[in-house]
């Protein structure tokens, strides 16, 4: 056993080693984010996207695979029509996103989890302010299950083939 009074350098070395091991153990924990945390991160990234276009990619990464596929399809269509490349996260509406109401300070967001699905209920300060957001647990954690409708093409009836 090393006595610190006789070998102060060895004690400091062991203390530093112990601190690094503890920090590595803390940093490598795989605490899964909750549906509420992921939704909060998504909403905050969308809000920040009006000033920083890179936040759209952050928000995109928090969407589920179904939303990714729909946005990839839209990006391909936009690329074809515009003649320049669009990334899927560029299909999110930068600067047009606005939260209609803020979650109440106390109990403003709550999740009801059923297996790999969850509904996050957001309540505002007014009783009429309420929204339900579907979430899904995928391989890499909880994701926002944003329903992105198919693109609707309005073709002039005169141009349609018979």
N, C-alpha and C. Protein backbone atom coordinates (compact mmCIF):
# COMPACT_ATOMS: atom_id res chain seq x y z
N UNK A 1 0.83 -1.17 0.00
CA UNK A 1 0.00 0.00 0.00
C UNK A 1 0.88 1.24 0.00
N UNK A 2 0.54 2.25 -0.80
CA UNK A 2 1.31 3.47 -0.92
C UNK A 2 0.80 4.47 0.11
N UNK A 3 1.71 5.06 0.83
CA UNK A 3 1.34 6.09 1.80
C UNK A 3 1.57 7.45 1.16
N UNK A 4 0.55 8.30 1.21
CA UNK A 4 0.61 9.60 0.54
C UNK A 4 1.68 10.50 1.13
N UNK A 5 1.93 10.42 2.40
CA UNK A 5 2.95 11.28 3.02
C UNK A 5 4.33 10.94 2.48
N UNK A 6 4.60 9.65 2.21
CA UNK A 6 5.91 9.22 1.73
C UNK A 6 6.04 9.38 0.21
N UNK A 7 4.94 9.23 -0.53
CA UNK A 7 4.98 9.28 -2.00
C UNK A 7 3.84 10.18 -2.53
N UNK A 8 3.93 11.50 -2.34
CA UNK A 8 2.84 12.38 -2.76
C UNK A 8 2.57 12.32 -4.26
N UNK A 9 3.60 12.15 -5.10
CA UNK A 9 3.40 12.08 -6.54
C UNK A 9 2.55 10.87 -6.90
N UNK A 10 2.84 9.73 -6.29
CA UNK A 10 2.08 8.50 -6.56
C UNK A 10 0.62 8.68 -6.16
N UNK A 11 0.35 9.36 -5.07
CA UNK A 11 -1.03 9.60 -4.63
C UNK A 11 -1.77 10.49 -5.62
N UNK A 12 -1.08 11.53 -6.11
CA UNK A 12 -1.71 12.41 -7.09
C UNK A 12 -1.97 11.67 -8.39
N UNK A 13 -1.03 10.79 -8.78
CA UNK A 13 -1.20 10.02 -9.99
C UNK A 13 -2.40 9.08 -9.87
N UNK A 14 -2.52 8.38 -8.74
CA UNK A 14 -3.66 7.49 -8.51
C UNK A 14 -4.97 8.28 -8.46
N UNK A 15 -4.96 9.45 -7.84
CA UNK A 15 -6.17 10.28 -7.77
C UNK A 15 -6.60 10.72 -9.16
N UNK A 16 -5.63 11.12 -9.98
CA UNK A 16 -5.94 11.54 -11.34
C UNK A 16 -6.49 10.36 -12.15
N UNK A 17 -5.85 9.20 -12.03
CA UNK A 17 -6.30 8.00 -12.71
C UNK A 17 -7.73 7.65 -12.31
N UNK A 18 -8.01 7.69 -11.01
CA UNK A 18 -9.34 7.40 -10.50
C UNK A 18 -10.37 8.39 -11.05
N UNK A 19 -10.02 9.66 -11.12
CA UNK A 19 -10.93 10.69 -11.63
C UNK A 19 -11.24 10.45 -13.11
N UNK A 20 -10.23 10.07 -13.88
CA UNK A 20 -10.44 9.80 -15.31
C UNK A 20 -11.35 8.59 -15.49
N UNK A 21 -11.12 7.54 -14.73
CA UNK A 21 -11.96 6.34 -14.82
C UNK A 21 -13.41 6.67 -14.47
N UNK A 22 -13.60 7.45 -13.42
CA UNK A 22 -14.96 7.84 -13.02
C UNK A 22 -15.63 8.67 -14.11
N UNK A 23 -14.88 9.60 -14.69
CA UNK A 23 -15.43 10.45 -15.74
C UNK A 23 -15.81 9.63 -16.97
N UNK A 24 -14.96 8.65 -17.32
CA UNK A 24 -15.27 7.79 -18.46
C UNK A 24 -16.51 6.98 -18.19
N UNK A 25 -16.67 6.51 -16.98
CA UNK A 25 -17.86 5.74 -16.63
C UNK A 25 -19.11 6.58 -16.70
N UNK A 26 -19.01 7.82 -16.27
CA UNK A 26 -20.17 8.71 -16.31
C UNK A 26 -20.50 9.09 -17.74
N UNK A 27 -19.49 9.34 -18.55
CA UNK A 27 -19.72 9.78 -19.91
C UNK A 27 -20.25 8.69 -20.82
N UNK A 28 -19.99 7.46 -20.49
CA UNK A 28 -20.41 6.38 -21.37
C UNK A 28 -21.75 5.79 -20.99
N UNK A 29 -22.43 6.39 -20.05
CA UNK A 29 -23.72 5.84 -19.67
C UNK A 29 -24.68 6.00 -20.84
N UNK A 30 -25.53 5.02 -21.00
CA UNK A 30 -26.47 5.03 -22.11
C UNK A 30 -27.87 5.32 -21.59
N UNK A 31 -28.02 6.45 -20.96
CA UNK A 31 -29.33 6.85 -20.48
C UNK A 31 -30.13 7.32 -21.68
N UNK A 32 -31.23 6.65 -21.93
CA UNK A 32 -32.05 6.98 -23.07
C UNK A 32 -32.87 8.23 -22.78
N UNK A 33 -32.94 9.10 -23.77
CA UNK A 33 -33.76 10.28 -23.62
C UNK A 33 -35.23 9.87 -23.65
N UNK A 34 -36.03 10.63 -22.95
CA UNK A 34 -37.47 10.37 -22.90
C UNK A 34 -38.14 11.00 -24.11
N UNK A 35 -39.38 10.58 -24.42
CA UNK A 35 -40.11 11.22 -25.51
C UNK A 35 -40.24 12.73 -25.31
N UNK A 36 -40.45 13.17 -24.08
CA UNK A 36 -40.59 14.60 -23.80
C UNK A 36 -39.27 15.33 -24.11
N UNK A 37 -38.14 14.75 -23.73
CA UNK A 37 -36.84 15.38 -24.01
C UNK A 37 -36.59 15.50 -25.50
N UNK A 38 -36.90 14.44 -26.25
CA UNK A 38 -36.67 14.45 -27.69
C UNK A 38 -37.59 15.46 -28.37
N UNK A 39 -38.85 15.52 -27.97
CA UNK A 39 -39.76 16.50 -28.55
C UNK A 39 -39.31 17.92 -28.22
N UNK A 40 -38.87 18.15 -27.00
CA UNK A 40 -38.36 19.47 -26.61
C UNK A 40 -37.17 19.85 -27.47
N UNK A 41 -36.24 18.91 -27.67
CA UNK A 41 -35.06 19.16 -28.51
C UNK A 41 -35.48 19.51 -29.94
N UNK A 42 -36.47 18.78 -30.46
CA UNK A 42 -36.96 19.02 -31.82
C UNK A 42 -37.56 20.43 -31.93
N UNK A 43 -38.44 20.78 -31.00
CA UNK A 43 -39.08 22.10 -31.04
C UNK A 43 -38.06 23.23 -30.92
N UNK A 44 -37.08 23.04 -30.05
CA UNK A 44 -36.04 24.06 -29.89
C UNK A 44 -35.18 24.20 -31.14
N UNK A 45 -34.85 23.08 -31.78
CA UNK A 45 -34.06 23.13 -33.01
C UNK A 45 -34.85 23.83 -34.12
N UNK A 46 -36.14 23.55 -34.22
CA UNK A 46 -36.96 24.21 -35.24
C UNK A 46 -37.05 25.71 -34.97
N UNK A 47 -37.15 26.10 -33.73
CA UNK A 47 -37.17 27.53 -33.40
C UNK A 47 -35.85 28.20 -33.77
N UNK A 48 -34.74 27.55 -33.46
CA UNK A 48 -33.42 28.11 -33.76
C UNK A 48 -33.15 28.14 -35.26
N UNK A 49 -33.86 27.32 -36.04
CA UNK A 49 -33.59 27.23 -37.47
C UNK A 49 -33.89 28.52 -38.22
N UNK A 50 -34.71 29.39 -37.66
CA UNK A 50 -34.98 30.66 -38.34
C UNK A 50 -33.73 31.53 -38.40
N UNK A 51 -32.79 31.29 -37.49
CA UNK A 51 -31.54 32.06 -37.48
C UNK A 51 -30.33 31.23 -37.89
N UNK A 52 -30.44 29.91 -37.83
CA UNK A 52 -29.31 29.04 -38.14
C UNK A 52 -29.82 27.84 -38.94
N UNK A 53 -29.54 27.84 -40.24
CA UNK A 53 -30.03 26.80 -41.14
C UNK A 53 -29.53 25.41 -40.73
N UNK A 54 -28.40 25.32 -40.03
CA UNK A 54 -27.87 24.02 -39.60
C UNK A 54 -28.78 23.33 -38.59
N UNK A 55 -29.61 24.09 -37.93
CA UNK A 55 -30.54 23.51 -36.94
C UNK A 55 -31.61 22.65 -37.60
N UNK A 56 -31.85 22.87 -38.91
CA UNK A 56 -32.80 22.02 -39.62
C UNK A 56 -32.32 20.57 -39.65
N UNK A 57 -31.02 20.38 -39.81
CA UNK A 57 -30.48 19.02 -39.80
C UNK A 57 -30.61 18.40 -38.42
N UNK A 58 -30.41 19.20 -37.37
CA UNK A 58 -30.59 18.71 -36.00
C UNK A 58 -32.04 18.24 -35.81
N UNK A 59 -32.99 19.07 -36.26
CA UNK A 59 -34.40 18.71 -36.14
C UNK A 59 -34.71 17.46 -36.97
N UNK A 60 -34.16 17.40 -38.18
CA UNK A 60 -34.38 16.26 -39.07
C UNK A 60 -33.94 14.96 -38.41
N UNK A 61 -32.81 14.97 -37.73
CA UNK A 61 -32.29 13.77 -37.08
C UNK A 61 -33.21 13.27 -35.97
N UNK A 62 -34.08 14.12 -35.47
CA UNK A 62 -35.00 13.73 -34.39
C UNK A 62 -36.33 13.23 -34.92
N UNK A 63 -36.47 13.15 -36.24
CA UNK A 63 -37.69 12.63 -36.86
C UNK A 63 -37.57 11.13 -37.09
N UNK A 64 -38.70 10.46 -37.18
CA UNK A 64 -38.72 9.01 -37.38
C UNK A 64 -38.40 8.65 -38.83
N UNK A 65 -38.17 7.37 -39.08
CA UNK A 65 -37.78 6.88 -40.40
C UNK A 65 -38.83 7.18 -41.46
N UNK A 66 -40.10 7.10 -41.10
CA UNK A 66 -41.17 7.39 -42.07
C UNK A 66 -41.09 8.84 -42.55
N UNK A 67 -40.84 9.76 -41.63
CA UNK A 67 -40.69 11.17 -41.99
C UNK A 67 -39.43 11.36 -42.83
N UNK A 68 -38.35 10.65 -42.49
CA UNK A 68 -37.12 10.73 -43.28
C UNK A 68 -37.40 10.32 -44.72
N UNK A 69 -38.12 9.23 -44.90
CA UNK A 69 -38.40 8.74 -46.26
C UNK A 69 -39.23 9.75 -47.04
N UNK A 70 -40.23 10.33 -46.39
CA UNK A 70 -41.08 11.32 -47.06
C UNK A 70 -40.28 12.56 -47.44
N UNK A 71 -39.40 13.02 -46.55
CA UNK A 71 -38.59 14.20 -46.85
C UNK A 71 -37.53 13.90 -47.92
N UNK A 72 -37.01 12.67 -47.93
CA UNK A 72 -36.07 12.27 -48.98
C UNK A 72 -36.76 12.30 -50.34
N UNK A 73 -38.00 11.82 -50.37
CA UNK A 73 -38.78 11.82 -51.61
C UNK A 73 -39.03 13.26 -52.09
N UNK A 74 -39.37 14.14 -51.16
CA UNK A 74 -39.58 15.55 -51.52
C UNK A 74 -38.29 16.20 -52.01
N UNK A 75 -37.19 15.88 -51.36
CA UNK A 75 -35.90 16.46 -51.77
C UNK A 75 -35.54 16.01 -53.18
N UNK A 76 -35.81 14.74 -53.50
CA UNK A 76 -35.54 14.23 -54.84
C UNK A 76 -36.40 14.96 -55.87
N UNK A 77 -37.67 15.16 -55.54
CA UNK A 77 -38.57 15.88 -56.44
C UNK A 77 -38.09 17.32 -56.64
N UNK A 78 -37.73 17.99 -55.55
CA UNK A 78 -37.24 19.37 -55.63
C UNK A 78 -35.96 19.45 -56.44
N UNK A 79 -35.07 18.48 -56.25
CA UNK A 79 -33.81 18.44 -57.00
C UNK A 79 -34.09 18.29 -58.49
N UNK A 80 -35.01 17.42 -58.84
CA UNK A 80 -35.37 17.18 -60.23
C UNK A 80 -35.97 18.43 -60.86
N UNK A 81 -36.87 19.08 -60.15
CA UNK A 81 -37.55 20.26 -60.69
C UNK A 81 -36.65 21.49 -60.75
N UNK A 82 -35.81 21.67 -59.74
CA UNK A 82 -34.99 22.89 -59.66
C UNK A 82 -33.65 22.76 -60.37
N UNK A 83 -33.21 21.54 -60.60
CA UNK A 83 -31.93 21.35 -61.26
C UNK A 83 -30.73 21.58 -60.35
N UNK A 84 -30.97 21.61 -59.06
CA UNK A 84 -29.88 21.69 -58.08
C UNK A 84 -30.23 20.77 -56.92
N UNK A 85 -29.21 20.34 -56.20
CA UNK A 85 -29.43 19.35 -55.15
C UNK A 85 -30.05 19.96 -53.89
N UNK A 86 -31.04 19.26 -53.37
CA UNK A 86 -31.64 19.59 -52.08
C UNK A 86 -31.46 18.42 -51.14
N UNK A 87 -31.16 18.70 -49.89
CA UNK A 87 -31.04 17.68 -48.86
C UNK A 87 -32.41 17.52 -48.19
N UNK A 88 -32.68 16.35 -47.63
CA UNK A 88 -33.99 16.13 -47.01
C UNK A 88 -34.35 17.14 -45.92
N UNK A 89 -33.38 17.55 -45.10
CA UNK A 89 -33.69 18.49 -44.02
C UNK A 89 -34.01 19.87 -44.57
N UNK A 90 -33.63 20.15 -45.81
CA UNK A 90 -33.97 21.43 -46.41
C UNK A 90 -35.44 21.51 -46.79
N UNK A 91 -36.14 20.39 -46.71
CA UNK A 91 -37.57 20.36 -46.99
C UNK A 91 -38.39 20.81 -45.78
N UNK A 92 -37.75 20.90 -44.62
CA UNK A 92 -38.43 21.45 -43.44
C UNK A 92 -38.55 22.96 -43.62
N UNK A 93 -39.61 23.54 -43.15
CA UNK A 93 -39.91 24.95 -43.40
C UNK A 93 -39.10 25.88 -42.50
N UNK A 94 -37.92 26.26 -42.97
CA UNK A 94 -37.06 27.16 -42.19
C UNK A 94 -37.73 28.52 -42.04
N UNK A 95 -37.79 28.98 -40.80
CA UNK A 95 -38.32 30.30 -40.53
C UNK A 95 -39.83 30.40 -40.54
N UNK A 96 -40.52 29.35 -40.95
CA UNK A 96 -41.98 29.37 -40.99
C UNK A 96 -42.58 28.58 -39.84
N UNK A 97 -41.71 28.01 -39.05
CA UNK A 97 -42.15 27.23 -37.90
C UNK A 97 -42.43 28.19 -36.75
N UNK A 98 -43.57 28.01 -36.12
CA UNK A 98 -43.91 28.85 -34.99
C UNK A 98 -44.75 28.02 -34.01
N UNK A 99 -44.36 28.05 -32.77
CA UNK A 99 -45.14 27.36 -31.75
C UNK A 99 -46.35 28.22 -31.44
N UNK A 100 -47.53 27.64 -31.56
CA UNK A 100 -48.77 28.39 -31.37
C UNK A 100 -48.94 28.78 -29.91
N UNK A 101 -48.52 27.91 -29.00
CA UNK A 101 -48.59 28.22 -27.58
C UNK A 101 -47.41 27.56 -26.88
N UNK A 102 -47.03 28.13 -25.76
CA UNK A 102 -45.92 27.58 -24.97
C UNK A 102 -46.47 26.60 -23.95
N UNK A 103 -45.74 25.53 -23.71
CA UNK A 103 -46.17 24.59 -22.67
C UNK A 103 -46.24 25.29 -21.31
N UNK A 104 -47.22 24.90 -20.53
CA UNK A 104 -47.35 25.46 -19.18
C UNK A 104 -46.10 25.14 -18.38
N UNK A 105 -45.77 26.02 -17.45
CA UNK A 105 -44.58 25.83 -16.61
C UNK A 105 -44.62 24.52 -15.85
N UNK A 106 -45.75 24.20 -15.32
CA UNK A 106 -45.89 22.99 -14.50
C UNK A 106 -46.74 21.96 -15.24
N UNK A 107 -46.14 20.82 -15.54
CA UNK A 107 -46.89 19.74 -16.20
C UNK A 107 -47.28 20.06 -17.63
N UNK A 108 -46.52 20.90 -18.31
CA UNK A 108 -46.86 21.31 -19.66
C UNK A 108 -46.68 20.23 -20.71
N UNK A 109 -45.79 19.28 -20.44
CA UNK A 109 -45.56 18.18 -21.39
C UNK A 109 -45.50 16.87 -20.61
N UNK A 110 -46.35 15.94 -21.03
CA UNK A 110 -46.36 14.62 -20.40
C UNK A 110 -46.47 13.55 -21.47
N UNK A 111 -45.80 12.44 -21.22
CA UNK A 111 -45.81 11.36 -22.20
C UNK A 111 -46.55 10.15 -21.64
N UNK A 112 -47.32 9.54 -22.52
CA UNK A 112 -47.94 8.25 -22.21
C UNK A 112 -47.30 7.24 -23.15
N UNK A 113 -46.52 6.34 -22.57
CA UNK A 113 -45.75 5.36 -23.35
C UNK A 113 -46.47 4.03 -23.36
N UNK A 114 -46.61 3.47 -24.56
CA UNK A 114 -47.17 2.14 -24.74
C UNK A 114 -46.24 1.38 -25.68
N UNK A 115 -45.39 0.55 -25.09
CA UNK A 115 -44.41 -0.19 -25.90
C UNK A 115 -43.43 0.74 -26.58
N UNK A 116 -43.37 0.66 -27.91
CA UNK A 116 -42.45 1.49 -28.69
C UNK A 116 -43.12 2.75 -29.24
N UNK A 117 -44.27 3.06 -28.73
CA UNK A 117 -44.98 4.27 -29.15
C UNK A 117 -45.30 5.11 -27.93
N UNK A 118 -45.42 6.40 -28.17
CA UNK A 118 -45.79 7.32 -27.09
C UNK A 118 -46.57 8.48 -27.67
N UNK A 119 -47.37 9.08 -26.84
CA UNK A 119 -48.06 10.33 -27.18
C UNK A 119 -47.62 11.34 -26.15
N UNK A 120 -47.02 12.44 -26.63
CA UNK A 120 -46.66 13.52 -25.72
C UNK A 120 -47.78 14.55 -25.81
N UNK A 121 -48.41 14.79 -24.68
CA UNK A 121 -49.46 15.80 -24.62
C UNK A 121 -48.85 17.10 -24.12
N UNK A 122 -49.07 18.14 -24.91
CA UNK A 122 -48.58 19.47 -24.55
C UNK A 122 -49.79 20.29 -24.14
N UNK A 123 -49.71 20.87 -22.95
CA UNK A 123 -50.78 21.73 -22.45
C UNK A 123 -50.23 23.13 -22.23
N UNK A 124 -51.01 24.11 -22.65
CA UNK A 124 -50.62 25.50 -22.44
C UNK A 124 -51.24 26.02 -21.15
N UNK A 125 -51.07 27.29 -20.92
CA UNK A 125 -51.65 27.91 -19.72
C UNK A 125 -53.16 28.02 -19.82
N UNK A 126 -53.68 28.16 -21.02
CA UNK A 126 -55.13 28.21 -21.24
C UNK A 126 -55.63 26.78 -21.45
N UNK A 127 -56.78 26.45 -20.92
CA UNK A 127 -57.28 25.07 -21.02
C UNK A 127 -57.55 24.63 -22.46
N UNK A 128 -57.77 25.59 -23.35
CA UNK A 128 -58.03 25.23 -24.75
C UNK A 128 -56.73 24.92 -25.50
N UNK A 129 -55.59 25.22 -24.91
CA UNK A 129 -54.30 24.98 -25.56
C UNK A 129 -53.81 23.57 -25.24
N UNK A 130 -53.95 22.71 -26.23
CA UNK A 130 -53.55 21.31 -26.04
C UNK A 130 -53.18 20.72 -27.39
N UNK A 131 -52.12 19.93 -27.40
CA UNK A 131 -51.70 19.23 -28.62
C UNK A 131 -51.14 17.87 -28.23
N UNK A 132 -51.40 16.88 -29.07
CA UNK A 132 -50.86 15.53 -28.88
C UNK A 132 -49.87 15.26 -30.00
N UNK A 133 -48.66 14.86 -29.63
CA UNK A 133 -47.61 14.60 -30.62
C UNK A 133 -47.20 13.14 -30.52
N UNK A 134 -47.36 12.39 -31.63
CA UNK A 134 -46.94 10.98 -31.61
C UNK A 134 -45.43 10.84 -31.68
N UNK A 135 -44.92 9.87 -30.95
CA UNK A 135 -43.50 9.57 -30.90
C UNK A 135 -43.34 8.06 -31.13
N UNK A 136 -42.18 7.66 -31.62
CA UNK A 136 -41.90 6.25 -31.83
C UNK A 136 -40.47 5.96 -31.39
N UNK A 137 -40.28 4.81 -30.76
CA UNK A 137 -38.94 4.40 -30.35
C UNK A 137 -38.34 3.57 -31.49
N UNK A 138 -37.21 4.05 -32.00
CA UNK A 138 -36.50 3.35 -33.06
C UNK A 138 -35.17 2.84 -32.50
N UNK A 139 -34.33 2.27 -33.34
CA UNK A 139 -33.04 1.71 -32.89
C UNK A 139 -32.22 2.70 -32.08
N UNK A 140 -32.22 3.95 -32.51
CA UNK A 140 -31.38 4.94 -31.87
C UNK A 140 -32.12 5.83 -30.87
N UNK A 141 -33.29 5.40 -30.44
CA UNK A 141 -34.02 6.14 -29.41
C UNK A 141 -35.36 6.67 -29.88
N UNK A 142 -35.94 7.54 -29.07
CA UNK A 142 -37.24 8.12 -29.37
C UNK A 142 -37.11 9.12 -30.50
N UNK A 143 -38.12 9.13 -31.39
CA UNK A 143 -38.16 10.05 -32.51
C UNK A 143 -39.57 10.61 -32.65
N UNK A 144 -39.65 11.83 -33.21
CA UNK A 144 -40.93 12.49 -33.47
C UNK A 144 -41.54 11.83 -34.70
N UNK A 145 -42.76 11.34 -34.58
CA UNK A 145 -43.45 10.69 -35.69
C UNK A 145 -44.27 11.75 -36.44
N UNK A 146 -43.57 12.56 -37.22
CA UNK A 146 -44.20 13.65 -37.94
C UNK A 146 -44.80 13.12 -39.23
N UNK A 147 -46.10 13.28 -39.38
CA UNK A 147 -46.79 12.82 -40.58
C UNK A 147 -46.60 13.86 -41.67
N UNK A 148 -45.96 13.46 -42.74
CA UNK A 148 -45.72 14.36 -43.86
C UNK A 148 -46.57 13.87 -45.02
N UNK A 149 -47.55 14.67 -45.41
CA UNK A 149 -48.47 14.23 -46.47
C UNK A 149 -47.76 14.12 -47.81
N UNK A 150 -48.30 13.27 -48.66
CA UNK A 150 -47.76 13.14 -50.02
C UNK A 150 -47.94 14.46 -50.75
N UNK A 151 -47.07 14.69 -51.70
CA UNK A 151 -47.16 15.90 -52.53
C UNK A 151 -48.39 15.76 -53.42
N UNK A 152 -49.19 16.80 -53.44
CA UNK A 152 -50.37 16.83 -54.29
C UNK A 152 -50.05 17.66 -55.53
N UNK A 153 -50.16 17.05 -56.68
CA UNK A 153 -49.91 17.76 -57.93
C UNK A 153 -51.24 18.22 -58.50
N UNK A 154 -51.35 19.49 -58.78
CA UNK A 154 -52.55 20.03 -59.42
C UNK A 154 -52.26 20.17 -60.90
N UNK A 155 -52.79 19.25 -61.66
CA UNK A 155 -52.56 19.26 -63.10
C UNK A 155 -53.79 19.87 -63.77
N UNK A 156 -53.54 20.81 -64.64
CA UNK A 156 -54.62 21.46 -65.37
C UNK A 156 -55.40 20.38 -66.14
N UNK A 157 -56.74 20.40 -66.02
CA UNK A 157 -57.54 19.36 -66.71
C UNK A 157 -57.29 19.32 -68.21
N UNK A 158 -56.91 20.44 -68.82
CA UNK A 158 -56.63 20.45 -70.25
C UNK A 158 -55.36 19.71 -70.60
N UNK A 159 -54.46 19.58 -69.65
CA UNK A 159 -53.17 18.92 -69.90
C UNK A 159 -53.22 17.40 -69.63
N UNK A 160 -54.26 16.95 -68.97
CA UNK A 160 -54.36 15.52 -68.65
C UNK A 160 -54.58 14.70 -69.92
N UNK A 161 -53.97 13.55 -69.95
CA UNK A 161 -54.19 12.67 -71.09
C UNK A 161 -55.50 11.92 -70.91
N UNK A 162 -56.12 11.58 -71.99
CA UNK A 162 -57.43 10.93 -71.92
C UNK A 162 -57.30 9.46 -72.00
